[in-house]
Amino acid sequence: MKATETVEMQGHIVDSLTLAKVLDIVVGAGAEYTLDEVELGRTSSDPSRGRRSITADDDVALATLLDQIHLHGANRVSAGDAVLAVSEKDGVLPAGFYSTTNLPTSVRLAGRWRPVERPEMDCAVVVDDSGTARTVPMHRVRSGDRVVTGSDGIRVEMPVRAARGHAFEFMTSEVSSEKPQALLVAEVCRRAAENREAGGRLLAVCGPAVVHTGAGPDLARLVRNGWVDVLFAGNGFATHDIESNVMGTSLGVSLGEGTAAEGGHANHLRVINEVRRHGSIAGAVRAGFLGGGVLYECVRRDVPFVLAGSIRDDGPLPDVVTDVVAAADAMRDQLEGVGVALMLASTLHGIATGNLLPAGVQTFCVDINQAVAIKLSDRGTHQALGIVTDVGLFLRQMADRLCRDA
């Protein structure tokens, strides 16, 4: 027996192609739709609104389809109150829990819509005794927590898109290297300046290629001049940043001459060993062992950094969080107020960070490999905009535009 439900979408659903994507999903599932009501925004900055009826073969097929399009901001018009179930064990969610997106989310409790604090994908929604709803990762759920189950009483919204100039519109199309890179760098700089003026924080997520391409000094300039408020990276980036400033090499290759230094293959191990001797990166700075570089500037300016470890790390440096769950929690704790995120030649840490970011954070993925930006978007960070270019060139241009000591 056929089943029908009416859904509604609001926001920039036309120019972002979200409406078209939802309709493609419906047709691809073998269902049918009718457009009941459409209100188009008059300008590119005005939101649009649309209602449509979705008809599937049965209730099960319809429920599955509604869950799929809900991820793109299609909400049931007839939603009742959210259904809550109590967790019976620490770290274990009730069966049928609602799995969150990173979109702005609200839950309906006792007839009232309440915003969910700190949207994050792949989490649960927990409601406390005061009616406050928040996203909670699975491992942080505790026995007795009230968890939203099913999809009733859940509403997600497409974020309001800020006005964009002509140059920035290139970034909304597919990721490609055939774009005016200098104009895009200028636009990112403008967004960073607007974010700082509004009191927002800028997050830099760094891969080792930042150092290998010779961009370490440019990123250090950005930190020194107050443009970077928090930094995420791994043991590799941190080690090579320190190696390049202590020994002048990166992976044993001279950054000045491009030639392999004698015995240079062990340079990174030697600097790790000395930092471990001093107890921390900050200890190495205080002792005078480390006198420059990105992390040196972070220590001097009290810019927090989280170094998340992996199984292939040498050492690692004493600041590296080797428990990946603890590392993700440490990253979560530093995201308050972040308005702009720069993913700088980092696949592993870039995707990990993207999983934690609300959809409203302006996210720019800078990598010579366009597949990195595509992968980040495919994994759910739909707001990520790709700039396919050498990260060294990007950071040099960015630092030249923004830094007073350029």
Foldseek 3Di string as FASTA:
>chain_A
DKDKFKWKAKAQCVVLVLVVVLVVLLVVLVKDKDWPDKADDPDNQHMIMTMMMIMDPDDVSVLVSCLVSQLSFIGTPPFDAFDKDFAAAQLDDDPQFDFFALFFKWFADPNDTDTEPQRFGGFWWWADPVRHIYTDHSNHDHGGTITTGGRGRMGGHDDRDDDDDPLCVVLSDADDQPHDQLSVLVRVLVVLVVLVVVVFAEEEEDELLCVVVPNFVLLLLCLLQPSHQEYEYAQQNVLQQQLCQQPCDGCQAHPVPRHGDVVSNCSSVVSLVVLVVLPAPLSCLVVVNGDDTNVNSCSVVVRYYAHEYDPPAPSGRNRYDDPNVVSLVVLLVPCPRHQEYEYQQDQVVLLSVLSSHRLRRQYEYEELDSVSQVVSCVVRNVNYGYHNDRSSVSSVSNSVVPGPVD
